[in-house]
């Protein structure tokens, strides 16, 4: 796990948000997602620098559309947001749940 993944995982594991179970590095369809909450059909992806290139954006768009086709919601956060503004990230996840 990256530093950002470890930081977020420490805050969402063990049903800490609205008593919802999250899993990390979970197979969902053709992809392995960073974090997954089955009861909310929520996928959380943390994006490092490679996700902001043209190629990275296109791959993410294809991936997100695939997952959305099966009824999942994908929330994306930058690694920097997680490391610098974890409370804001948690608030957005909490609002969705």
Protein backbone atom coordinates (compact mmCIF):
# COMPACT_ATOMS: atom_id res chain seq x y z
CA UNK A 1 0.00 0.00 0.00
CA UNK A 2 1.02 3.58 -0.59
CA UNK A 3 1.25 6.06 2.30
CA UNK A 4 -2.08 7.56 1.21
CA UNK A 5 -3.75 4.14 1.08
CA UNK A 6 -2.46 3.27 4.56
CA UNK A 7 -3.68 6.62 5.89
CA UNK A 8 -7.20 6.23 4.49
CA UNK A 9 -7.40 2.53 5.41
CA UNK A 10 -6.66 3.39 9.05
CA UNK A 11 -9.76 5.62 9.03
CA UNK A 12 -12.27 3.36 7.22
CA UNK A 13 -11.41 -0.20 8.25
CA UNK A 14 -13.33 -1.94 10.99
CA UNK A 15 -16.67 -0.30 10.17
CA UNK A 16 -15.56 3.13 11.40
CA UNK A 17 -17.79 5.06 8.96
CA UNK A 18 -21.52 4.56 9.46
CA UNK A 19 -20.84 0.95 10.48
CA UNK A 20 -20.02 0.09 6.83
CA UNK A 21 -17.56 -2.66 5.94
CA UNK A 22 -14.78 -1.69 3.54
CA UNK A 23 -12.34 -4.00 1.79
CA UNK A 24 -9.05 -3.05 0.19
CA UNK A 25 -7.47 -4.31 -3.02
CA UNK A 26 -10.67 -6.14 -3.94
CA UNK A 27 -11.46 -7.76 -7.29
CA UNK A 28 -14.53 -6.11 -8.79
CA UNK A 29 -15.28 -7.31 -12.29
CA UNK A 30 -12.17 -6.96 -14.45
CA UNK A 31 -10.39 -4.66 -12.02
CA UNK A 32 -8.73 -4.57 -8.62
CA UNK A 33 -10.03 -1.52 -6.79
CA UNK A 34 -8.33 0.32 -3.95
CA UNK A 35 -11.28 0.25 -1.53
CA UNK A 36 -14.74 -1.30 -1.82
CA UNK A 37 -17.90 -1.03 0.28
CA UNK A 38 -20.35 -3.67 -0.99
CA UNK A 39 -23.40 -2.49 0.97
CA UNK A 40 -23.13 0.99 -0.59
CA UNK A 41 -21.86 -0.23 -4.00
CA UNK A 42 -19.05 2.27 -3.45
CA UNK A 43 -15.54 2.12 -4.85
CA UNK A 44 -12.86 4.51 -3.67
CA UNK A 45 -9.79 5.07 -5.81
CA UNK A 46 -6.71 7.00 -4.74
CA UNK A 47 -4.81 8.62 -7.55
CA UNK A 48 -1.11 9.29 -7.70
CA UNK A 49 0.61 11.42 -10.31
CA UNK A 50 0.31 8.88 -13.15
CA UNK A 51 -3.47 9.32 -13.13
CA UNK A 52 -3.19 12.94 -14.26
CA UNK A 53 -1.49 12.28 -17.60
CA UNK A 54 -3.67 12.10 -20.72
CA UNK A 55 -3.17 8.34 -20.87
CA UNK A 56 -3.94 7.93 -17.16
CA UNK A 57 -7.12 10.00 -17.42
CA UNK A 58 -8.32 7.93 -20.38
CA UNK A 59 -7.67 4.63 -18.57
CA UNK A 60 -9.49 5.92 -15.48
CA UNK A 61 -12.46 7.02 -17.58
CA UNK A 62 -12.73 3.58 -19.20
CA UNK A 63 -12.42 1.87 -15.81
CA UNK A 64 -14.97 4.16 -14.14
CA UNK A 65 -17.48 3.70 -16.96
CA UNK A 66 -17.10 -0.08 -16.73
CA UNK A 67 -17.73 -0.02 -12.97
CA UNK A 68 -20.63 2.44 -13.25
CA UNK A 69 -22.25 0.15 -15.82
CA UNK A 70 -22.62 -2.42 -13.02
CA UNK A 71 -24.16 0.10 -10.62
CA UNK A 72 -21.07 1.12 -8.66
CA UNK A 73 -20.26 4.67 -7.64
CA UNK A 74 -16.59 5.57 -7.96
CA UNK A 75 -15.14 8.29 -5.75
CA UNK A 76 -11.64 9.41 -6.67
CA UNK A 77 -9.26 11.32 -4.44
CA UNK A 78 -5.70 12.38 -5.03
CA UNK A 79 -3.02 10.95 -2.77
CA UNK A 80 -2.26 14.53 -1.80
CA UNK A 81 -5.86 15.15 -0.66
CA UNK A 82 -5.75 12.08 1.54
CA UNK A 83 -2.43 13.05 3.09
CA UNK A 84 -3.18 16.76 3.52
CA UNK A 85 -6.97 16.84 4.03
CA UNK A 86 -8.10 13.47 5.39
CA UNK A 87 -11.07 15.03 7.21
CA UNK A 88 -12.40 16.51 3.96
CA UNK A 89 -11.99 13.17 2.21
CA UNK A 90 -13.77 11.33 5.02
CA UNK A 91 -16.58 13.88 4.98
CA UNK A 92 -17.22 13.25 1.27
CA UNK A 93 -17.22 9.49 1.79
CA UNK A 94 -19.52 9.85 4.82
CA UNK A 95 -21.95 12.03 2.84
CA UNK A 96 -22.17 9.38 0.14
CA UNK A 97 -22.81 6.55 2.59
